[in-house]
PDB file of all heavy atoms in Angstrom:
ATOM      1  N   ARG A   1      18.031 -23.380   0.596  1.00  0.00           N
ATOM      2  CA  ARG A   1      17.408 -22.873   1.813  1.00  0.00           C
ATOM      3  C   ARG A   1      16.211 -23.728   2.179  1.00  0.00           C
ATOM      4  O   ARG A   1      15.438 -24.138   1.310  1.00  0.00           O
ATOM      5  CB  ARG A   1      16.962 -21.423   1.648  1.00  0.00           C
ATOM      6  CG  ARG A   1      18.095 -20.423   1.517  1.00  0.00           C
ATOM      7  CD  ARG A   1      17.594 -19.012   1.768  1.00  0.00           C
ATOM      8  NE  ARG A   1      16.644 -18.578   0.748  1.00  0.00           N
ATOM      9  CZ  ARG A   1      15.906 -17.466   0.839  1.00  0.00           C
ATOM     10  NH1 ARG A   1      16.008 -16.691   1.909  1.00  0.00           N
ATOM     11  NH2 ARG A   1      15.078 -17.138  -0.137  1.00  0.00           N
ATOM     12  N   THR A   2      16.068 -24.002   3.461  1.00  0.00           N
ATOM     13  CA  THR A   2      14.905 -24.711   3.986  1.00  0.00           C
ATOM     14  C   THR A   2      14.400 -24.005   5.228  1.00  0.00           C
ATOM     15  O   THR A   2      15.148 -23.298   5.913  1.00  0.00           O
ATOM     16  CB  THR A   2      15.227 -26.176   4.322  1.00  0.00           C
ATOM     17  OG1 THR A   2      16.284 -26.222   5.287  1.00  0.00           O
ATOM     18  CG2 THR A   2      15.635 -26.950   3.079  1.00  0.00           C
ATOM     19  N   TYR A   3      13.145 -24.220   5.517  1.00  0.00           N
ATOM     20  CA  TYR A   3      12.507 -23.599   6.665  1.00  0.00           C
ATOM     21  C   TYR A   3      11.424 -24.533   7.166  1.00  0.00           C
ATOM     22  O   TYR A   3      10.682 -25.117   6.361  1.00  0.00           O
ATOM     23  CB  TYR A   3      11.929 -22.241   6.274  1.00  0.00           C
ATOM     24  CG  TYR A   3      11.236 -21.499   7.387  1.00  0.00           C
ATOM     25  CD1 TYR A   3      11.932 -21.083   8.511  1.00  0.00           C
ATOM     26  CD2 TYR A   3       9.881 -21.193   7.300  1.00  0.00           C
ATOM     27  CE1 TYR A   3      11.301 -20.394   9.532  1.00  0.00           C
ATOM     28  CE2 TYR A   3       9.241 -20.505   8.309  1.00  0.00           C
ATOM     29  CZ  TYR A   3       9.960 -20.107   9.424  1.00  0.00           C
ATOM     30  OH  TYR A   3       9.325 -19.417  10.426  1.00  0.00           O
ATOM     31  N   TYR A   4      11.331 -24.684   8.500  1.00  0.00           N
ATOM     32  CA  TYR A   4      10.395 -25.612   9.098  1.00  0.00           C
ATOM     33  C   TYR A   4       9.548 -24.940  10.163  1.00  0.00           C
ATOM     34  O   TYR A   4      10.009 -24.050  10.877  1.00  0.00           O
ATOM     35  CB  TYR A   4      11.135 -26.782   9.761  1.00  0.00           C
ATOM     36  CG  TYR A   4      11.946 -27.617   8.812  1.00  0.00           C
ATOM     37  CD1 TYR A   4      13.281 -27.331   8.569  1.00  0.00           C
ATOM     38  CD2 TYR A   4      11.376 -28.709   8.168  1.00  0.00           C
ATOM     39  CE1 TYR A   4      14.027 -28.098   7.702  1.00  0.00           C
ATOM     40  CE2 TYR A   4      12.118 -29.486   7.299  1.00  0.00           C
ATOM     41  CZ  TYR A   4      13.443 -29.179   7.070  1.00  0.00           C
ATOM     42  OH  TYR A   4      14.172 -29.950   6.210  1.00  0.00           O
ATOM     43  N   ALA A   5       8.317 -25.406  10.279  1.00  0.00           N
ATOM     44  CA  ALA A   5       7.497 -25.008  11.411  1.00  0.00           C
ATOM     45  C   ALA A   5       8.105 -25.566  12.696  1.00  0.00           C
ATOM     46  O   ALA A   5       8.701 -26.653  12.701  1.00  0.00           O
ATOM     47  CB  ALA A   5       6.069 -25.522  11.245  1.00  0.00           C
ATOM     48  N   ASP A   6       7.964 -24.830  13.788  1.00  0.00           N
ATOM     49  CA  ASP A   6       8.528 -25.277  15.055  1.00  0.00           C
ATOM     50  C   ASP A   6       8.001 -26.651  15.471  1.00  0.00           C
ATOM     51  O   ASP A   6       8.716 -27.436  16.095  1.00  0.00           O
ATOM     52  CB  ASP A   6       8.230 -24.260  16.152  1.00  0.00           C
ATOM     53  CG  ASP A   6       9.035 -22.983  16.004  1.00  0.00           C
ATOM     54  OD1 ASP A   6      10.060 -22.994  15.300  1.00  0.00           O
ATOM     55  OD2 ASP A   6       8.630 -21.966  16.601  1.00  0.00           O
ATOM     56  N   SER A   7       6.770 -26.950  15.122  1.00  0.00           N
ATOM     57  CA  SER A   7       6.154 -28.193  15.542  1.00  0.00           C
ATOM     58  C   SER A   7       6.785 -29.430  14.908  1.00  0.00           C
ATOM     59  O   SER A   7       6.627 -30.533  15.429  1.00  0.00           O
ATOM     60  CB  SER A   7       4.651 -28.166  15.229  1.00  0.00           C
ATOM     61  OG  SER A   7       4.429 -27.991  13.841  1.00  0.00           O
ATOM     62  N   VAL A   8       7.483 -29.263  13.792  1.00  0.00           N
ATOM     63  CA  VAL A   8       8.080 -30.401  13.099  1.00  0.00           C
ATOM     64  C   VAL A   8       9.594 -30.328  13.037  1.00  0.00           C
ATOM     65  O   VAL A   8      10.232 -31.288  12.575  1.00  0.00           O
ATOM     66  CB  VAL A   8       7.514 -30.548  11.673  1.00  0.00           C
ATOM     67  CG1 VAL A   8       5.993 -30.602  11.699  1.00  0.00           C
ATOM     68  CG2 VAL A   8       7.999 -29.419  10.771  1.00  0.00           C
ATOM     69  N   LYS A   9      10.177 -29.249  13.492  1.00  0.00           N
ATOM     70  CA  LYS A   9      11.622 -29.061  13.411  1.00  0.00           C
ATOM     71  C   LYS A   9      12.341 -30.179  14.160  1.00  0.00           C
ATOM     72  O   LYS A   9      12.005 -30.509  15.294  1.00  0.00           O
ATOM     73  CB  LYS A   9      11.992 -27.692  13.979  1.00  0.00           C
ATOM     74  CG  LYS A   9      13.383 -27.219  13.641  1.00  0.00           C
ATOM     75  CD  LYS A   9      13.586 -25.775  14.112  1.00  0.00           C
ATOM     76  CE  LYS A   9      12.596 -24.839  13.437  1.00  0.00           C
ATOM     77  NZ  LYS A   9      12.781 -23.422  13.863  1.00  0.00           N
ATOM     78  N   GLY A  10      13.335 -30.754  13.503  1.00  0.00           N
ATOM     79  CA  GLY A  10      14.083 -31.852  14.082  1.00  0.00           C
ATOM     80  C   GLY A  10      13.500 -33.218  13.804  1.00  0.00           C
ATOM     81  O   GLY A  10      14.178 -34.232  14.029  1.00  0.00           O
ATOM     82  N   ARG A  11      12.265 -33.277  13.335  1.00  0.00           N
ATOM     83  CA  ARG A  11      11.611 -34.541  13.023  1.00  0.00           C
ATOM     84  C   ARG A  11      11.373 -34.726  11.529  1.00  0.00           C
ATOM     85  O   ARG A  11      11.443 -35.843  11.028  1.00  0.00           O
ATOM     86  CB  ARG A  11      10.273 -34.648  13.753  1.00  0.00           C
ATOM     87  CG  ARG A  11      10.386 -34.581  15.265  1.00  0.00           C
ATOM     88  CD  ARG A  11       9.052 -34.888  15.936  1.00  0.00           C
ATOM     89  NE  ARG A  11       8.031 -33.904  15.589  1.00  0.00           N
ATOM     90  CZ  ARG A  11       6.884 -34.204  14.974  1.00  0.00           C
ATOM     91  NH1 ARG A  11       6.610 -35.459  14.644  1.00  0.00           N
ATOM     92  NH2 ARG A  11       6.000 -33.248  14.704  1.00  0.00           N
ATOM     93  N   PHE A  12      11.077 -33.648  10.830  1.00  0.00           N
ATOM     94  CA  PHE A  12      10.786 -33.695   9.399  1.00  0.00           C
ATOM     95  C   PHE A  12      11.951 -33.129   8.610  1.00  0.00           C
ATOM     96  O   PHE A  12      12.640 -32.205   9.066  1.00  0.00           O
ATOM     97  CB  PHE A  12       9.536 -32.879   9.063  1.00  0.00           C
ATOM     98  CG  PHE A  12       8.238 -33.444   9.566  1.00  0.00           C
ATOM     99  CD1 PHE A  12       8.194 -34.495  10.467  1.00  0.00           C
ATOM    100  CD2 PHE A  12       7.039 -32.909   9.125  1.00  0.00           C
ATOM    101  CE1 PHE A  12       6.992 -35.005  10.936  1.00  0.00           C
ATOM    102  CE2 PHE A  12       5.828 -33.406   9.574  1.00  0.00           C
ATOM    103  CZ  PHE A  12       5.801 -34.456  10.482  1.00  0.00           C
ATOM    104  N   THR A  13      12.163 -33.658   7.415  1.00  0.00           N
ATOM    105  CA  THR A  13      13.192 -33.162   6.509  1.00  0.00           C
ATOM    106  C   THR A  13      12.600 -32.992   5.121  1.00  0.00           C
ATOM    107  O   THR A  13      12.059 -33.942   4.556  1.00  0.00           O
ATOM    108  CB  THR A  13      14.389 -34.112   6.443  1.00  0.00           C
ATOM    109  OG1 THR A  13      14.938 -34.304   7.752  1.00  0.00           O
ATOM    110  CG2 THR A  13      15.470 -33.528   5.536  1.00  0.00           C
ATOM    111  N   ILE A  14      12.721 -31.797   4.580  1.00  0.00           N
ATOM    112  CA  ILE A  14      12.252 -31.528   3.233  1.00  0.00           C
ATOM    113  C   ILE A  14      13.426 -31.619   2.260  1.00  0.00           C
ATOM    114  O   ILE A  14      14.547 -31.225   2.588  1.00  0.00           O
ATOM    115  CB  ILE A  14      11.556 -30.151   3.151  1.00  0.00           C
ATOM    116  CG1 ILE A  14      10.860 -29.970   1.800  1.00  0.00           C
ATOM    117  CG2 ILE A  14      12.530 -29.011   3.423  1.00  0.00           C
ATOM    118  CD1 ILE A  14       9.952 -28.742   1.749  1.00  0.00           C
ATOM    119  N   SER A  15      13.174 -32.145   1.081  1.00  0.00           N
ATOM    120  CA  SER A  15      14.208 -32.259   0.064  1.00  0.00           C
ATOM    121  C   SER A  15      13.561 -32.246  -1.311  1.00  0.00           C
ATOM    122  O   SER A  15      12.334 -32.272  -1.436  1.00  0.00           O
ATOM    123  CB  SER A  15      15.043 -33.526   0.267  1.00  0.00           C
ATOM    124  OG  SER A  15      14.245 -34.689   0.134  1.00  0.00           O
ATOM    125  N   ARG A  16      14.402 -32.216  -2.334  1.00  0.00           N
ATOM    126  CA  ARG A  16      13.881 -32.258  -3.694  1.00  0.00           C
ATOM    127  C   ARG A  16      14.908 -32.851  -4.627  1.00  0.00           C
ATOM    128  O   ARG A  16      16.116 -32.791  -4.384  1.00  0.00           O
ATOM    129  CB  ARG A  16      13.471 -30.852  -4.159  1.00  0.00           C
ATOM    130  CG  ARG A  16      14.622 -29.872  -4.302  1.00  0.00           C
ATOM    131  CD  ARG A  16      14.105 -28.454  -4.527  1.00  0.00           C
ATOM    132  NE  ARG A  16      13.320 -28.356  -5.749  1.00  0.00           N
ATOM    133  CZ  ARG A  16      12.486 -27.361  -6.028  1.00  0.00           C
ATOM    134  NH1 ARG A  16      12.313 -26.375  -5.155  1.00  0.00           N
ATOM    135  NH2 ARG A  16      11.811 -27.348  -7.180  1.00  0.00           N
ATOM    136  N   ASP A  17      14.431 -33.419  -5.709  1.00  0.00           N
ATOM    137  CA  ASP A  17      15.275 -33.954  -6.767  1.00  0.00           C
ATOM    138  C   ASP A  17      14.743 -33.380  -8.067  1.00  0.00           C
ATOM    139  O   ASP A  17      13.773 -33.887  -8.638  1.00  0.00           O
ATOM    140  CB  ASP A  17      15.241 -35.473  -6.772  1.00  0.00           C
ATOM    141  CG  ASP A  17      16.231 -36.080  -7.747  1.00  0.00           C
ATOM    142  OD1 ASP A  17      16.679 -35.384  -8.678  1.00  0.00           O
ATOM    143  OD2 ASP A  17      16.564 -37.274  -7.589  1.00  0.00           O
ATOM    144  N   ASN A  18      15.361 -32.306  -8.523  1.00  0.00           N
ATOM    145  CA  ASN A  18      14.858 -31.621  -9.706  1.00  0.00           C
ATOM    146  C   ASN A  18      14.973 -32.476 -10.963  1.00  0.00           C
ATOM    147  O   ASN A  18      14.177 -32.326 -11.893  1.00  0.00           O
ATOM    148  CB  ASN A  18      15.590 -30.297  -9.898  1.00  0.00           C
ATOM    149  CG  ASN A  18      15.170 -29.254  -8.886  1.00  0.00           C
ATOM    150  OD1 ASN A  18      14.113 -29.381  -8.255  1.00  0.00           O
ATOM    151  ND2 ASN A  18      15.980 -28.226  -8.724  1.00  0.00           N
ATOM    152  N   ALA A  19      15.956 -33.367 -11.015  1.00  0.00           N
ATOM    153  CA  ALA A  19      16.092 -34.259 -12.158  1.00  0.00           C
ATOM    154  C   ALA A  19      14.898 -35.199 -12.284  1.00  0.00           C
ATOM    155  O   ALA A  19      14.574 -35.648 -13.381  1.00  0.00           O
ATOM    156  CB  ALA A  19      17.381 -35.060 -12.064  1.00  0.00           C
ATOM    157  N   LYS A  20      14.254 -35.497 -11.168  1.00  0.00           N
ATOM    158  CA  LYS A  20      13.071 -36.353 -11.157  1.00  0.00           C
ATOM    159  C   LYS A  20      11.773 -35.563 -11.048  1.00  0.00           C
ATOM    160  O   LYS A  20      10.699 -36.166 -10.970  1.00  0.00           O
ATOM    161  CB  LYS A  20      13.150 -37.349 -10.011  1.00  0.00           C
ATOM    162  CG  LYS A  20      14.304 -38.329 -10.115  1.00  0.00           C
ATOM    163  CD  LYS A  20      14.297 -39.305  -8.949  1.00  0.00           C
ATOM    164  CE  LYS A  20      15.420 -40.314  -9.071  1.00  0.00           C
ATOM    165  NZ  LYS A  20      15.430 -41.275  -7.936  1.00  0.00           N
ATOM    166  N   ASN A  21      11.874 -34.244 -11.017  1.00  0.00           N
ATOM    167  CA  ASN A  21      10.698 -33.382 -10.867  1.00  0.00           C
ATOM    168  C   ASN A  21       9.861 -33.781  -9.651  1.00  0.00           C
ATOM    169  O   ASN A  21       8.627 -33.841  -9.707  1.00  0.00           O
ATOM    170  CB  ASN A  21       9.835 -33.420 -12.126  1.00  0.00           C
ATOM    171  CG  ASN A  21      10.492 -32.755 -13.314  1.00  0.00           C
ATOM    172  OD1 ASN A  21      11.178 -31.743 -13.170  1.00  0.00           O
ATOM    173  ND2 ASN A  21      10.287 -33.311 -14.495  1.00  0.00           N
ATOM    174  N   THR A  22      10.541 -34.037  -8.551  1.00  0.00           N
ATOM    175  CA  THR A  22       9.875 -34.556  -7.362  1.00  0.00           C
ATOM    176  C   THR A  22      10.399 -33.883  -6.103  1.00  0.00           C
ATOM    177  O   THR A  22      11.605 -33.695  -5.949  1.00  0.00           O
ATOM    178  CB  THR A  22      10.064 -36.075  -7.250  1.00  0.00           C
ATOM    179  OG1 THR A  22       9.577 -36.714  -8.442  1.00  0.00           O
ATOM    180  CG2 THR A  22       9.292 -36.623  -6.066  1.00  0.00           C
ATOM    181  N   GLY A  23       9.487 -33.528  -5.216  1.00  0.00           N
ATOM    182  CA  GLY A  23       9.815 -33.069  -3.887  1.00  0.00           C
ATOM    183  C   GLY A  23       9.464 -34.127  -2.869  1.00  0.00           C
ATOM    184  O   GLY A  23       8.625 -35.007  -3.123  1.00  0.00           O
ATOM    185  N   TYR A  24      10.103 -34.043  -1.694  1.00  0.00           N
ATOM    186  CA  TYR A  24       9.915 -35.064  -0.671  1.00  0.00           C
ATOM    187  C   TYR A  24       9.752 -34.412   0.694  1.00  0.00           C
ATOM    188  O   TYR A  24      10.277 -33.335   0.961  1.00  0.00           O
ATOM    189  CB  TYR A  24      11.110 -36.015  -0.607  1.00  0.00           C
ATOM    190  CG  TYR A  24      11.428 -36.696  -1.914  1.00  0.00           C
ATOM    191  CD1 TYR A  24      12.409 -36.187  -2.761  1.00  0.00           C
ATOM    192  CD2 TYR A  24      10.756 -37.845  -2.294  1.00  0.00           C
ATOM    193  CE1 TYR A  24      12.705 -36.812  -3.956  1.00  0.00           C
ATOM    194  CE2 TYR A  24      11.048 -38.472  -3.490  1.00  0.00           C
ATOM    195  CZ  TYR A  24      12.023 -37.956  -4.317  1.00  0.00           C
ATOM    196  OH  TYR A  24      12.314 -38.585  -5.510  1.00  0.00           O
ATOM    197  N   LEU A  25       9.039 -35.112   1.553  1.00  0.00           N
ATOM    198  CA  LEU A  25       8.964 -34.761   2.959  1.00  0.00           C
ATOM    199  C   LEU A  25       9.151 -36.029   3.766  1.00  0.00           C
ATOM    200  O   LEU A  25       8.263 -36.886   3.793  1.00  0.00           O
ATOM    201  CB  LEU A  25       7.630 -34.092   3.307  1.00  0.00           C
ATOM    202  CG  LEU A  25       7.507 -33.604   4.750  1.00  0.00           C
ATOM    203  CD1 LEU A  25       8.440 -32.416   4.992  1.00  0.00           C
ATOM    204  CD2 LEU A  25       6.068 -33.228   5.079  1.00  0.00           C
ATOM    205  N   GLN A  26      10.313 -36.161   4.386  1.00  0.00           N
ATOM    206  CA  GLN A  26      10.597 -37.290   5.261  1.00  0.00           C
ATOM    207  C   GLN A  26      10.101 -36.954   6.652  1.00  0.00           C
ATOM    208  O   GLN A  26      10.522 -35.956   7.240  1.00  0.00           O
ATOM    209  CB  GLN A  26      12.097 -37.586   5.291  1.00  0.00           C
ATOM    210  CG  GLN A  26      12.493 -38.724   6.216  1.00  0.00           C
ATOM    211  CD  GLN A  26      11.988 -40.063   5.749  1.00  0.00           C
ATOM    212  OE1 GLN A  26      12.105 -40.391   4.572  1.00  0.00           O
ATOM    213  NE2 GLN A  26      11.420 -40.846   6.660  1.00  0.00           N
ATOM    214  N   MET A  27       9.221 -37.780   7.194  1.00  0.00           N
ATOM    215  CA  MET A  27       8.608 -37.536   8.488  1.00  0.00           C
ATOM    216  C   MET A  27       9.006 -38.653   9.435  1.00  0.00           C
ATOM    217  O   MET A  27       8.645 -39.813   9.221  1.00  0.00           O
ATOM    218  CB  MET A  27       7.088 -37.448   8.362  1.00  0.00           C
ATOM    219  CG  MET A  27       6.614 -36.420   7.349  1.00  0.00           C
ATOM    220  SD  MET A  27       4.813 -36.233   7.331  1.00  0.00           S
ATOM    221  CE  MET A  27       4.339 -37.873   6.778  1.00  0.00           C
ATOM    222  N   ASN A  28       9.740 -38.304  10.467  1.00  0.00           N
ATOM    223  CA  ASN A  28      10.179 -39.253  11.478  1.00  0.00           C
ATOM    224  C   ASN A  28       9.562 -38.910  12.826  1.00  0.00           C
ATOM    225  O   ASN A  28       9.086 -37.803  13.043  1.00  0.00           O
ATOM    226  CB  ASN A  28      11.706 -39.239  11.599  1.00  0.00           C
ATOM    227  CG  ASN A  28      12.404 -39.652  10.333  1.00  0.00           C
ATOM    228  OD1 ASN A  28      11.909 -40.473   9.566  1.00  0.00           O
ATOM    229  ND2 ASN A  28      13.592 -39.084  10.108  1.00  0.00           N
ATOM    230  N   SER A  29       9.599 -39.870  13.731  1.00  0.00           N
ATOM    231  CA  SER A  29       9.077 -39.679  15.086  1.00  0.00           C
ATOM    232  C   SER A  29       7.676 -39.090  15.063  1.00  0.00           C
ATOM    233  O   SER A  29       7.366 -38.124  15.761  1.00  0.00           O
ATOM    234  CB  SER A  29      10.024 -38.789  15.898  1.00  0.00           C
ATOM    235  OG  SER A  29      11.317 -39.346  15.977  1.00  0.00           O
ATOM    236  N   LEU A  30       6.831 -39.681  14.261  1.00  0.00           N
ATOM    237  CA  LEU A  30       5.491 -39.142  14.062  1.00  0.00           C
ATOM    238  C   LEU A  30       4.670 -39.210  15.343  1.00  0.00           C
ATOM    239  O   LEU A  30       4.772 -40.170  16.117  1.00  0.00           O
ATOM    240  CB  LEU A  30       4.784 -39.884  12.943  1.00  0.00           C
ATOM    241  CG  LEU A  30       5.228 -39.470  11.542  1.00  0.00           C
ATOM    242  CD1 LEU A  30       4.826 -40.519  10.510  1.00  0.00           C
ATOM    243  CD2 LEU A  30       4.622 -38.116  11.180  1.00  0.00           C
ATOM    244  N   LYS A  31       3.858 -38.191  15.538  1.00  0.00           N
ATOM    245  CA  LYS A  31       2.978 -38.070  16.683  1.00  0.00           C
ATOM    246  C   LYS A  31       1.533 -38.109  16.223  1.00  0.00           C
ATOM    247  O   LYS A  31       1.228 -37.851  15.062  1.00  0.00           O
ATOM    248  CB  LYS A  31       3.236 -36.745  17.415  1.00  0.00           C
ATOM    249  CG  LYS A  31       4.674 -36.511  17.829  1.00  0.00           C
ATOM    250  CD  LYS A  31       4.841 -35.110  18.399  1.00  0.00           C
ATOM    251  CE  LYS A  31       6.268 -34.839  18.793  1.00  0.00           C
ATOM    252  NZ  LYS A  31       6.433 -33.454  19.312  1.00  0.00           N
ATOM    253  N   PHE A  32       0.643 -38.396  17.162  1.00  0.00           N
ATOM    254  CA  PHE A  32      -0.775 -38.409  16.840  1.00  0.00           C
ATOM    255  C   PHE A  32      -1.216 -37.062  16.271  1.00  0.00           C
ATOM    256  O   PHE A  32      -2.049 -37.014  15.355  1.00  0.00           O
ATOM    257  CB  PHE A  32      -1.597 -38.754  18.075  1.00  0.00           C
ATOM    258  CG  PHE A  32      -3.081 -38.712  17.841  1.00  0.00           C
ATOM    259  CD1 PHE A  32      -3.720 -39.740  17.177  1.00  0.00           C
ATOM    260  CD2 PHE A  32      -3.837 -37.635  18.295  1.00  0.00           C
ATOM    261  CE1 PHE A  32      -5.089 -39.708  16.957  1.00  0.00           C
ATOM    262  CE2 PHE A  32      -5.205 -37.597  18.081  1.00  0.00           C
ATOM    263  CZ  PHE A  32      -5.831 -38.636  17.410  1.00  0.00           C
ATOM    264  N   ASP A  33      -0.671 -35.981  16.795  1.00  0.00           N
ATOM    265  CA  ASP A  33      -1.053 -34.647  16.348  1.00  0.00           C
ATOM    266  C   ASP A  33      -0.573 -34.318  14.942  1.00  0.00           C
ATOM    267  O   ASP A  33      -0.948 -33.285  14.393  1.00  0.00           O
ATOM    268  CB  ASP A  33      -0.533 -33.585  17.321  1.00  0.00           C
ATOM    269  CG  ASP A  33      -1.278 -33.580  18.639  1.00  0.00           C
ATOM    270  OD1 ASP A  33      -2.366 -34.189  18.714  1.00  0.00           O
ATOM    271  OD2 ASP A  33      -0.783 -32.963  19.603  1.00  0.00           O
ATOM    272  N   ASP A  34       0.261 -35.164  14.349  1.00  0.00           N
ATOM    273  CA  ASP A  34       0.660 -34.990  12.962  1.00  0.00           C
ATOM    274  C   ASP A  34      -0.417 -35.462  11.991  1.00  0.00           C
ATOM    275  O   ASP A  34      -0.287 -35.257  10.781  1.00  0.00           O
ATOM    276  CB  ASP A  34       1.962 -35.737  12.668  1.00  0.00           C
ATOM    277  CG  ASP A  34       3.149 -35.166  13.414  1.00  0.00           C
ATOM    278  OD1 ASP A  34       3.250 -33.931  13.521  1.00  0.00           O
ATOM    279  OD2 ASP A  34       3.980 -35.963  13.888  1.00  0.00           O
ATOM    280  N   THR A  35      -1.448 -36.111  12.492  1.00  0.00           N
ATOM    281  CA  THR A  35      -2.523 -36.602  11.643  1.00  0.00           C
ATOM    282  C   THR A  35      -3.186 -35.446  10.907  1.00  0.00           C
ATOM    283  O   THR A  35      -3.653 -34.487  11.528  1.00  0.00           O
ATOM    284  CB  THR A  35      -3.559 -37.363  12.473  1.00  0.00           C
ATOM    285  OG1 THR A  35      -2.957 -38.529  13.049  1.00  0.00           O
ATOM    286  CG2 THR A  35      -4.743 -37.792  11.619  1.00  0.00           C
ATOM    287  N   ALA A  36      -3.225 -35.532   9.587  1.00  0.00           N
ATOM    288  CA  ALA A  36      -3.776 -34.465   8.763  1.00  0.00           C
ATOM    289  C   ALA A  36      -3.715 -34.887   7.308  1.00  0.00           C
ATOM    290  O   ALA A  36      -3.092 -35.890   6.955  1.00  0.00           O
ATOM    291  CB  ALA A  36      -2.992 -33.160   8.955  1.00  0.00           C
ATOM    292  N   VAL A  37      -4.366 -34.102   6.458  1.00  0.00           N
ATOM    293  CA  VAL A  37      -4.141 -34.193   5.024  1.00  0.00           C
ATOM    294  C   VAL A  37      -2.955 -33.305   4.695  1.00  0.00           C
ATOM    295  O   VAL A  37      -2.947 -32.122   5.049  1.00  0.00           O
ATOM    296  CB  VAL A  37      -5.378 -33.766   4.222  1.00  0.00           C
ATOM    297  CG1 VAL A  37      -5.085 -33.799   2.726  1.00  0.00           C
ATOM    298  CG2 VAL A  37      -6.556 -34.686   4.536  1.00  0.00           C
ATOM    299  N   TYR A  38      -1.967 -33.862   4.023  1.00  0.00           N
ATOM    300  CA  TYR A  38      -0.755 -33.134   3.681  1.00  0.00           C
ATOM    301  C   TYR A  38      -0.787 -32.741   2.209  1.00  0.00           C
ATOM    302  O   TYR A  38      -1.073 -33.565   1.336  1.00  0.00           O
ATOM    303  CB  TYR A  38       0.485 -33.975   3.967  1.00  0.00           C
ATOM    304  CG  TYR A  38       0.827 -34.027   5.431  1.00  0.00           C
ATOM    305  CD1 TYR A  38       0.038 -34.735   6.326  1.00  0.00           C
ATOM    306  CD2 TYR A  38       1.938 -33.342   5.929  1.00  0.00           C
ATOM    307  CE1 TYR A  38       0.333 -34.765   7.673  1.00  0.00           C
ATOM    308  CE2 TYR A  38       2.250 -33.370   7.271  1.00  0.00           C
ATOM    309  CZ  TYR A  38       1.442 -34.080   8.144  1.00  0.00           C
ATOM    310  OH  TYR A  38       1.745 -34.112   9.483  1.00  0.00           O
ATOM    311  N   TYR A  39      -0.477 -31.482   1.951  1.00  0.00           N
ATOM    312  CA  TYR A  39      -0.485 -30.928   0.608  1.00  0.00           C
ATOM    313  C   TYR A  39       0.897 -30.403   0.251  1.00  0.00           C
ATOM    314  O   TYR A  39       1.558 -29.781   1.078  1.00  0.00           O
ATOM    315  CB  TYR A  39      -1.468 -29.756   0.500  1.00  0.00           C
ATOM    316  CG  TYR A  39      -2.904 -30.087   0.806  1.00  0.00           C
ATOM    317  CD1 TYR A  39      -3.394 -29.998   2.104  1.00  0.00           C
ATOM    318  CD2 TYR A  39      -3.768 -30.474  -0.209  1.00  0.00           C
ATOM    319  CE1 TYR A  39      -4.720 -30.292   2.384  1.00  0.00           C
ATOM    320  CE2 TYR A  39      -5.094 -30.769   0.061  1.00  0.00           C
ATOM    321  CZ  TYR A  39      -5.565 -30.672   1.358  1.00  0.00           C
ATOM    322  OH  TYR A  39      -6.878 -30.957   1.623  1.00  0.00           O
ATOM    323  N   CYS A  40       1.321 -30.627  -0.970  1.00  0.00           N
ATOM    324  CA  CYS A  40       2.474 -29.914  -1.481  1.00  0.00           C
ATOM    325  C   CYS A  40       1.999 -28.790  -2.376  1.00  0.00           C
ATOM    326  O   CYS A  40       0.914 -28.845  -2.955  1.00  0.00           O
ATOM    327  CB  CYS A  40       3.448 -30.838  -2.231  1.00  0.00           C
ATOM    328  SG  CYS A  40       2.842 -31.525  -3.785  1.00  0.00           S
TER     329      CYS A  40
END
């Protein structure tokens, strides 16, 4: 299951690789308003 904020839907993709103990956030079509500190 995945869920996205409306502001990023269609542009961002969340995924994970449990074998690598790593989560990912692929961010495409970035906008100026995406500027921020990002936390997992």
